[in-house]
């Protein structure tokens, strides 16, 4: 059966909260998925003891694997934040290069036009010098 834009779909749209959560905690987080501001704490247990971690104050120890509250290691967050900064810098550089290229092309066009005008003025000057020489010669015969 062909697909119809006017008929409703028989399949239900699905929403993947994991993907939404993954987007929400990219870089240095400010808020948890629940809306609470995250805190930067030092991990007191486990193999990453002493490492800094961003986490929601509502997160309980038994929920560490839960996707309802945010927990993110500081080094991962900073690495992601630096990736964002690098992307913005690359984008700004590309944008700046494009703007410079456009300005340079505009300057080249202006220089080309001015060179044409200079050549025209040189030709006119030469013609005037020839005319002045002719008039001088005419005056010298009087």
C-alpha atoms as a PDB file:
ATOM      1  CA  UNK A   1       0.000   0.000   0.000  1.00  0.00           C
ATOM      2  CA  UNK A   2       1.434   3.409  -0.931  1.00  0.00           C
ATOM      3  CA  UNK A   3       2.318   5.863   1.807  1.00  0.00           C
ATOM      4  CA  UNK A   4      -0.307   8.557   2.332  1.00  0.00           C
ATOM      5  CA  UNK A   5       0.353  11.915   3.932  1.00  0.00           C
ATOM      6  CA  UNK A   6      -3.356  12.398   4.585  1.00  0.00           C
ATOM      7  CA  UNK A   7      -3.896   9.139   6.455  1.00  0.00           C
ATOM      8  CA  UNK A   8      -2.713   8.751  10.029  1.00  0.00           C
ATOM      9  CA  UNK A   9       0.157   6.383  10.635  1.00  0.00           C
ATOM     10  CA  UNK A  10      -0.555   3.007  12.193  1.00  0.00           C
ATOM     11  CA  UNK A  11       2.763   2.999  14.026  1.00  0.00           C
ATOM     12  CA  UNK A  12       3.208   5.063  17.139  1.00  0.00           C
ATOM     13  CA  UNK A  13       6.030   7.539  17.456  1.00  0.00           C
ATOM     14  CA  UNK A  14       8.631   6.483  19.949  1.00  0.00           C
ATOM     15  CA  UNK A  15      10.720   8.742  22.119  1.00  0.00           C
ATOM     16  CA  UNK A  16      14.089   7.611  23.286  1.00  0.00           C
ATOM     17  CA  UNK A  17      14.823   9.319  26.603  1.00  0.00           C
ATOM     18  CA  UNK A  18      18.380   8.014  26.498  1.00  0.00           C
ATOM     19  CA  UNK A  19      19.100  10.069  23.389  1.00  0.00           C
ATOM     20  CA  UNK A  20      17.480  13.144  24.915  1.00  0.00           C
ATOM     21  CA  UNK A  21      19.505  12.676  28.084  1.00  0.00           C
ATOM     22  CA  UNK A  22      22.687  12.199  26.082  1.00  0.00           C
ATOM     23  CA  UNK A  23      22.100  15.530  24.337  1.00  0.00           C
ATOM     24  CA  UNK A  24      21.256  17.257  27.613  1.00  0.00           C
ATOM     25  CA  UNK A  25      24.495  16.353  29.367  1.00  0.00           C
ATOM     26  CA  UNK A  26      26.925  17.131  26.559  1.00  0.00           C
ATOM     27  CA  UNK A  27      29.720  19.358  27.853  1.00  0.00           C
ATOM     28  CA  UNK A  28      29.742  20.919  31.304  1.00  0.00           C
ATOM     29  CA  UNK A  29      26.224  20.440  32.677  1.00  0.00           C
ATOM     30  CA  UNK A  30      24.350  23.113  34.576  1.00  0.00           C
ATOM     31  CA  UNK A  31      21.073  21.369  35.340  1.00  0.00           C
ATOM     32  CA  UNK A  32      19.902  17.807  35.782  1.00  0.00           C
ATOM     33  CA  UNK A  33      17.140  16.284  33.694  1.00  0.00           C
ATOM     34  CA  UNK A  34      14.841  16.875  36.688  1.00  0.00           C
ATOM     35  CA  UNK A  35      15.594  20.620  36.598  1.00  0.00           C
ATOM     36  CA  UNK A  36      17.794  20.837  39.705  1.00  0.00           C
ATOM     37  CA  UNK A  37      21.194  22.517  39.353  1.00  0.00           C
ATOM     38  CA  UNK A  38      24.024  19.977  39.360  1.00  0.00           C
ATOM     39  CA  UNK A  39      26.864  20.082  41.864  1.00  0.00           C
ATOM     40  CA  UNK A  40      30.538  19.401  41.317  1.00  0.00           C
ATOM     41  CA  UNK A  41      31.666  16.914  43.938  1.00  0.00           C
ATOM     42  CA  UNK A  42      34.640  14.677  44.612  1.00  0.00           C
ATOM     43  CA  UNK A  43      34.019  10.940  44.271  1.00  0.00           C
ATOM     44  CA  UNK A  44      34.620   9.286  47.640  1.00  0.00           C
ATOM     45  CA  UNK A  45      34.388   5.614  46.655  1.00  0.00           C
ATOM     46  CA  UNK A  46      35.193   3.239  43.830  1.00  0.00           C
ATOM     47  CA  UNK A  47      37.993   3.080  41.336  1.00  0.00           C
ATOM     48  CA  UNK A  48      37.599   6.794  40.514  1.00  0.00           C
ATOM     49  CA  UNK A  49      37.921   7.893  44.113  1.00  0.00           C
ATOM     50  CA  UNK A  50      39.224  11.469  44.256  1.00  0.00           C
ATOM     51  CA  UNK A  51      37.993  12.310  40.752  1.00  0.00           C
ATOM     52  CA  UNK A  52      35.535  15.163  40.330  1.00  0.00           C
ATOM     53  CA  UNK A  53      32.009  14.439  39.159  1.00  0.00           C
ATOM     54  CA  UNK A  54      28.971  16.534  38.252  1.00  0.00           C
ATOM     55  CA  UNK A  55      25.846  15.094  39.772  1.00  0.00           C
ATOM     56  CA  UNK A  56      22.289  15.911  40.678  1.00  0.00           C
ATOM     57  CA  UNK A  57      21.709  16.473  44.396  1.00  0.00           C
ATOM     58  CA  UNK A  58      18.614  14.240  44.105  1.00  0.00           C
ATOM     59  CA  UNK A  59      20.712  11.269  42.925  1.00  0.00           C
ATOM     60  CA  UNK A  60      20.914   8.484  45.473  1.00  0.00           C
ATOM     61  CA  UNK A  61      23.746   5.936  45.575  1.00  0.00           C
ATOM     62  CA  UNK A  62      21.488   3.103  44.417  1.00  0.00           C
ATOM     63  CA  UNK A  63      20.415   5.132  41.356  1.00  0.00           C
ATOM     64  CA  UNK A  64      23.882   5.652  39.824  1.00  0.00           C
ATOM     65  CA  UNK A  65      22.943   3.563  36.795  1.00  0.00           C
ATOM     66  CA  UNK A  66      19.581   5.360  36.481  1.00  0.00           C
ATOM     67  CA  UNK A  67      18.956   7.744  33.604  1.00  0.00           C
ATOM     68  CA  UNK A  68      16.552   9.874  35.617  1.00  0.00           C
ATOM     69  CA  UNK A  69      19.251  12.057  37.182  1.00  0.00           C
ATOM     70  CA  UNK A  70      22.499  13.379  35.796  1.00  0.00           C
ATOM     71  CA  UNK A  71      25.921  12.094  36.743  1.00  0.00           C
ATOM     72  CA  UNK A  72      28.927  13.004  34.615  1.00  0.00           C
ATOM     73  CA  UNK A  73      32.643  12.849  35.250  1.00  0.00           C
ATOM     74  CA  UNK A  74      34.385  16.214  35.238  1.00  0.00           C
ATOM     75  CA  UNK A  75      37.103  15.162  32.774  1.00  0.00           C
ATOM     76  CA  UNK A  76      34.517  13.894  30.283  1.00  0.00           C
ATOM     77  CA  UNK A  77      32.457  17.086  30.649  1.00  0.00           C
ATOM     78  CA  UNK A  78      35.487  19.325  30.139  1.00  0.00           C
ATOM     79  CA  UNK A  79      36.654  17.287  27.133  1.00  0.00           C
ATOM     80  CA  UNK A  80      33.204  17.639  25.547  1.00  0.00           C
ATOM     81  CA  UNK A  81      33.129  21.352  26.366  1.00  0.00           C
ATOM     82  CA  UNK A  82      36.504  21.778  24.666  1.00  0.00           C
ATOM     83  CA  UNK A  83      35.153  19.924  21.623  1.00  0.00           C
ATOM     84  CA  UNK A  84      32.294  22.448  21.500  1.00  0.00           C
ATOM     85  CA  UNK A  85      34.739  25.346  21.790  1.00  0.00           C
ATOM     86  CA  UNK A  86      36.952  23.852  19.052  1.00  0.00           C
ATOM     87  CA  UNK A  87      33.917  23.418  16.801  1.00  0.00           C
ATOM     88  CA  UNK A  88      32.867  27.038  17.385  1.00  0.00           C
ATOM     89  CA  UNK A  89      36.427  28.223  16.759  1.00  0.00           C
ATOM     90  CA  UNK A  90      36.688  26.216  13.533  1.00  0.00           C
ATOM     91  CA  UNK A  91      33.332  27.584  12.430  1.00  0.00           C
ATOM     92  CA  UNK A  92      34.386  31.156  13.258  1.00  0.00           C
ATOM     93  CA  UNK A  93      37.664  30.695  11.387  1.00  0.00           C
ATOM     94  CA  UNK A  94      35.861  29.342   8.326  1.00  0.00           C
ATOM     95  CA  UNK A  95      33.365  32.188   8.526  1.00  0.00           C
ATOM     96  CA  UNK A  96      36.196  34.702   8.927  1.00  0.00           C
ATOM     97  CA  UNK A  97      38.108  33.229   6.006  1.00  0.00           C
ATOM     98  CA  UNK A  98      35.007  33.426   3.832  1.00  0.00           C
ATOM     99  CA  UNK A  99      34.487  37.047   4.867  1.00  0.00           C
ATOM    100  CA  UNK A 100      38.164  37.830   4.183  1.00  0.00           C
ATOM    101  CA  UNK A 101      38.011  36.067   0.832  1.00  0.00           C
ATOM    102  CA  UNK A 102      34.936  38.092  -0.080  1.00  0.00           C
ATOM    103  CA  UNK A 103      36.616  41.327   1.036  1.00  0.00           C
ATOM    104  CA  UNK A 104      39.811  40.394  -0.822  1.00  0.00           C
ATOM    105  CA  UNK A 105      37.848  39.697  -4.003  1.00  0.00           C
ATOM    106  CA  UNK A 106      36.106  43.058  -3.634  1.00  0.00           C
ATOM    107  CA  UNK A 107      39.479  44.781  -3.192  1.00  0.00           C
ATOM    108  CA  UNK A 108      40.861  42.980  -6.254  1.00  0.00           C
ATOM    109  CA  UNK A 109      37.901  44.170  -8.328  1.00  0.00           C
ATOM    110  CA  UNK A 110      38.422  47.736  -7.095  1.00  0.00           C
ATOM    111  CA  UNK A 111      42.149  47.592  -7.904  1.00  0.00           C
ATOM    112  CA  UNK A 112      41.372  46.223 -11.376  1.00  0.00           C
ATOM    113  CA  UNK A 113      38.912  49.068 -12.003  1.00  0.00           C
ATOM    114  CA  UNK A 114      41.426  51.624 -10.739  1.00  0.00           C
ATOM    115  CA  UNK A 115      44.138  50.181 -12.986  1.00  0.00           C
ATOM    116  CA  UNK A 116      41.780  50.626 -15.922  1.00  0.00           C
ATOM    117  CA  UNK A 117      41.096  54.218 -14.898  1.00  0.00           C
ATOM    118  CA  UNK A 118      44.829  54.886 -14.488  1.00  0.00           C
ATOM    119  CA  UNK A 119      45.486  53.559 -17.998  1.00  0.00           C
ATOM    120  CA  UNK A 120      42.707  55.773 -19.364  1.00  0.00           C
ATOM    121  CA  UNK A 121      44.161  58.799 -17.547  1.00  0.00           C
ATOM    122  CA  UNK A 122      47.652  58.002 -18.874  1.00  0.00           C
ATOM    123  CA  UNK A 123      46.273  57.884 -22.422  1.00  0.00           C
ATOM    124  CA  UNK A 124      44.462  61.190 -21.909  1.00  0.00           C
ATOM    125  CA  UNK A 125      47.598  62.742 -20.396  1.00  0.00           C
ATOM    126  CA  UNK A 126      49.686  61.566 -23.343  1.00  0.00           C
ATOM    127  CA  UNK A 127      47.111  63.037 -25.739  1.00  0.00           C
ATOM    128  CA  UNK A 128      47.207  66.355 -23.834  1.00  0.00           C
ATOM    129  CA  UNK A 129      51.017  66.386 -23.881  1.00  0.00           C
ATOM    130  CA  UNK A 130      50.946  65.810 -27.654  1.00  0.00           C
ATOM    131  CA  UNK A 131      48.432  68.651 -28.002  1.00  0.00           C
ATOM    132  CA  UNK A 132      50.575  70.945 -25.814  1.00  0.00           C
ATOM    133  CA  UNK A 133      53.648  70.129 -27.917  1.00  0.00           C
ATOM    134  CA  UNK A 134      51.650  70.898 -31.069  1.00  0.00           C
ATOM    135  CA  UNK A 135      50.456  74.227 -29.608  1.00  0.00           C
ATOM    136  CA  UNK A 136      54.008  75.129 -28.514  1.00  0.00           C
ATOM    137  CA  UNK A 137      55.256  74.379 -32.003  1.00  0.00           C
ATOM    138  CA  UNK A 138      52.472  76.530 -33.433  1.00  0.00           C
ATOM    139  CA  UNK A 139      53.295  79.397 -31.043  1.00  0.00           C
ATOM    140  CA  UNK A 140      56.999  79.209 -31.828  1.00  0.00           C
ATOM    141  CA  UNK A 141      56.291  79.804 -35.519  1.00  0.00           C
ATOM    142  CA  UNK A 142      54.596  83.164 -34.837  1.00  0.00           C
END
